[in-house]
Amino acid sequence: MGIVKISEGMHEHLRVASDALSRSINAQAEHWMRIGMLAELHPNLDHSDLCRLLVRAELAGGLDLHQLCNLTPDSPSLQLAAASGAGK
């Protein structure tokens, strides 16, 4: 565990979002960081696809950065995420 310094404004945004979504401020910050990390690793996926990846990762034992970095566009996990979002 470490300390991350953020601006007062971002802390206020975290406080509001965490209250609205019934999460702790730390849990909300971690959620946003996970979504951001996945968005940078997989810019072709939208938010709902990224959330599906997080759920699948949790069901498989937790978020593993090595596994997420090794996913390729033809990876079954990404194909499932893309297919499930195709009917939007």
C-alpha atoms as a PDB file:
ATOM      1  CA  MET A   1       0.000   0.000   0.000  1.00  0.00           C
ATOM      2  CA  GLY A   2       1.185   3.495  -0.713  1.00  0.00           C
ATOM      3  CA  ILE A   3       0.124   7.092  -0.609  1.00  0.00           C
ATOM      4  CA  VAL A   4      -1.019   8.873  -3.748  1.00  0.00           C
ATOM      5  CA  LYS A   5      -1.296  12.645  -3.654  1.00  0.00           C
ATOM      6  CA  ILE A   6      -4.208  14.115  -5.563  1.00  0.00           C
ATOM      7  CA  SER A   7      -5.627  17.599  -5.930  1.00  0.00           C
ATOM      8  CA  GLU A   8      -8.339  18.917  -3.635  1.00  0.00           C
ATOM      9  CA  GLY A   9     -10.706  19.060  -6.607  1.00  0.00           C
ATOM     10  CA  MET A  10     -10.159  15.409  -7.497  1.00  0.00           C
ATOM     11  CA  HIS A  11     -10.613  14.429  -3.862  1.00  0.00           C
ATOM     12  CA  GLU A  12     -13.967  16.219  -3.848  1.00  0.00           C
ATOM     13  CA  HIS A  13     -14.988  14.390  -7.065  1.00  0.00           C
ATOM     14  CA  LEU A  14     -13.998  11.109  -5.401  1.00  0.00           C
ATOM     15  CA  ARG A  15     -16.011  11.965  -2.303  1.00  0.00           C
ATOM     16  CA  VAL A  16     -19.140  12.739  -4.327  1.00  0.00           C
ATOM     17  CA  ALA A  17     -18.793   9.636  -6.542  1.00  0.00           C
ATOM     18  CA  SER A  18     -18.045   7.366  -3.588  1.00  0.00           C
ATOM     19  CA  ASP A  19     -21.124   8.613  -1.727  1.00  0.00           C
ATOM     20  CA  ALA A  20     -23.315   8.203  -4.813  1.00  0.00           C
ATOM     21  CA  LEU A  21     -22.056   4.677  -5.520  1.00  0.00           C
ATOM     22  CA  SER A  22     -21.852   3.489  -1.890  1.00  0.00           C
ATOM     23  CA  ARG A  23     -18.088   2.950  -2.034  1.00  0.00           C
ATOM     24  CA  SER A  24     -15.312   4.210   0.183  1.00  0.00           C
ATOM     25  CA  ILE A  25     -13.211   7.017  -1.252  1.00  0.00           C
ATOM     26  CA  ASN A  26     -10.300   4.586  -1.619  1.00  0.00           C
ATOM     27  CA  ALA A  27     -12.501   1.978  -3.343  1.00  0.00           C
ATOM     28  CA  GLN A  28     -13.805   4.615  -5.771  1.00  0.00           C
ATOM     29  CA  ALA A  29     -10.277   5.810  -6.560  1.00  0.00           C
ATOM     30  CA  GLU A  30      -9.132   2.228  -7.134  1.00  0.00           C
ATOM     31  CA  HIS A  31     -12.115   1.581  -9.417  1.00  0.00           C
ATOM     32  CA  TRP A  32     -11.295   4.645 -11.514  1.00  0.00           C
ATOM     33  CA  MET A  33      -7.642   3.588 -11.677  1.00  0.00           C
ATOM     34  CA  ARG A  34      -8.548   0.089 -12.824  1.00  0.00           C
ATOM     35  CA  ILE A  35     -10.886   1.412 -15.515  1.00  0.00           C
ATOM     36  CA  GLY A  36      -8.234   3.899 -16.645  1.00  0.00           C
ATOM     37  CA  MET A  37      -5.521   1.253 -16.750  1.00  0.00           C
ATOM     38  CA  LEU A  38      -7.718  -1.072 -18.788  1.00  0.00           C
ATOM     39  CA  ALA A  39      -8.756   1.777 -21.108  1.00  0.00           C
ATOM     40  CA  GLU A  40      -5.095   2.510 -21.835  1.00  0.00           C
ATOM     41  CA  LEU A  41      -4.308  -1.174 -22.410  1.00  0.00           C
ATOM     42  CA  HIS A  42      -7.413  -1.752 -24.552  1.00  0.00           C
ATOM     43  CA  PRO A  43      -8.496   1.527 -26.168  1.00  0.00           C
ATOM     44  CA  ASN A  44     -10.812  -0.358 -28.532  1.00  0.00           C
ATOM     45  CA  LEU A  45     -13.122  -1.395 -25.662  1.00  0.00           C
ATOM     46  CA  ASP A  46     -15.852   0.798 -24.222  1.00  0.00           C
ATOM     47  CA  HIS A  47     -16.689   1.248 -20.537  1.00  0.00           C
ATOM     48  CA  SER A  48     -19.178  -1.634 -20.369  1.00  0.00           C
ATOM     49  CA  ASP A  49     -16.638  -3.974 -22.024  1.00  0.00           C
ATOM     50  CA  LEU A  50     -14.010  -2.905 -19.478  1.00  0.00           C
ATOM     51  CA  CYS A  51     -16.434  -3.577 -16.620  1.00  0.00           C
ATOM     52  CA  ARG A  52     -17.110  -7.037 -18.044  1.00  0.00           C
ATOM     53  CA  LEU A  53     -13.364  -7.683 -18.091  1.00  0.00           C
ATOM     54  CA  LEU A  54     -13.162  -6.651 -14.431  1.00  0.00           C
ATOM     55  CA  VAL A  55     -15.994  -9.019 -13.521  1.00  0.00           C
ATOM     56  CA  ARG A  56     -14.390 -11.864 -15.476  1.00  0.00           C
ATOM     57  CA  ALA A  57     -11.041 -11.144 -13.834  1.00  0.00           C
ATOM     58  CA  GLU A  58     -12.666 -11.259 -10.394  1.00  0.00           C
ATOM     59  CA  LEU A  59     -14.373 -14.568 -11.200  1.00  0.00           C
ATOM     60  CA  ALA A  60     -11.000 -15.927 -12.331  1.00  0.00           C
ATOM     61  CA  GLY A  61      -9.301 -14.984  -9.058  1.00  0.00           C
ATOM     62  CA  GLY A  62      -8.625 -11.275  -9.357  1.00  0.00           C
ATOM     63  CA  LEU A  63      -7.128  -8.667 -11.627  1.00  0.00           C
ATOM     64  CA  ASP A  64      -3.783  -9.880 -13.004  1.00  0.00           C
ATOM     65  CA  LEU A  65      -1.875  -7.157 -14.862  1.00  0.00           C
ATOM     66  CA  HIS A  66       0.372  -9.687 -16.613  1.00  0.00           C
ATOM     67  CA  GLN A  67      -2.638 -11.549 -17.956  1.00  0.00           C
ATOM     68  CA  LEU A  68      -4.363  -8.342 -19.050  1.00  0.00           C
ATOM     69  CA  CYS A  69      -1.241  -7.120 -20.851  1.00  0.00           C
ATOM     70  CA  ASN A  70      -0.946 -10.414 -22.718  1.00  0.00           C
ATOM     71  CA  LEU A  71      -4.470 -10.256 -24.135  1.00  0.00           C
ATOM     72  CA  THR A  72      -4.471  -9.784 -27.875  1.00  0.00           C
ATOM     73  CA  PRO A  73      -7.290  -8.575 -30.136  1.00  0.00           C
ATOM     74  CA  ASP A  74      -8.104 -12.217 -30.989  1.00  0.00           C
ATOM     75  CA  SER A  75      -8.054 -13.314 -27.333  1.00  0.00           C
ATOM     76  CA  PRO A  76     -11.261 -15.154 -26.301  1.00  0.00           C
ATOM     77  CA  SER A  77     -11.805 -12.776 -23.346  1.00  0.00           C
ATOM     78  CA  LEU A  78     -11.684  -9.735 -25.592  1.00  0.00           C
ATOM     79  CA  GLN A  79     -13.841 -11.406 -28.235  1.00  0.00           C
ATOM     80  CA  LEU A  80     -16.462 -12.181 -25.574  1.00  0.00           C
ATOM     81  CA  ALA A  81     -16.338  -8.619 -24.289  1.00  0.00           C
ATOM     82  CA  ALA A  82     -16.677  -7.197 -27.789  1.00  0.00           C
ATOM     83  CA  ALA A  83     -19.450  -9.640 -28.763  1.00  0.00           C
ATOM     84  CA  SER A  84     -21.463  -8.896 -25.633  1.00  0.00           C
ATOM     85  CA  GLY A  85     -21.299  -5.195 -26.419  1.00  0.00           C
ATOM     86  CA  ALA A  86     -22.052  -5.593 -30.127  1.00  0.00           C
ATOM     87  CA  GLY A  87     -25.808  -5.330 -29.741  1.00  0.00           C
ATOM     88  CA  LYS A  88     -25.782  -1.760 -28.395  1.00  0.00           C
END
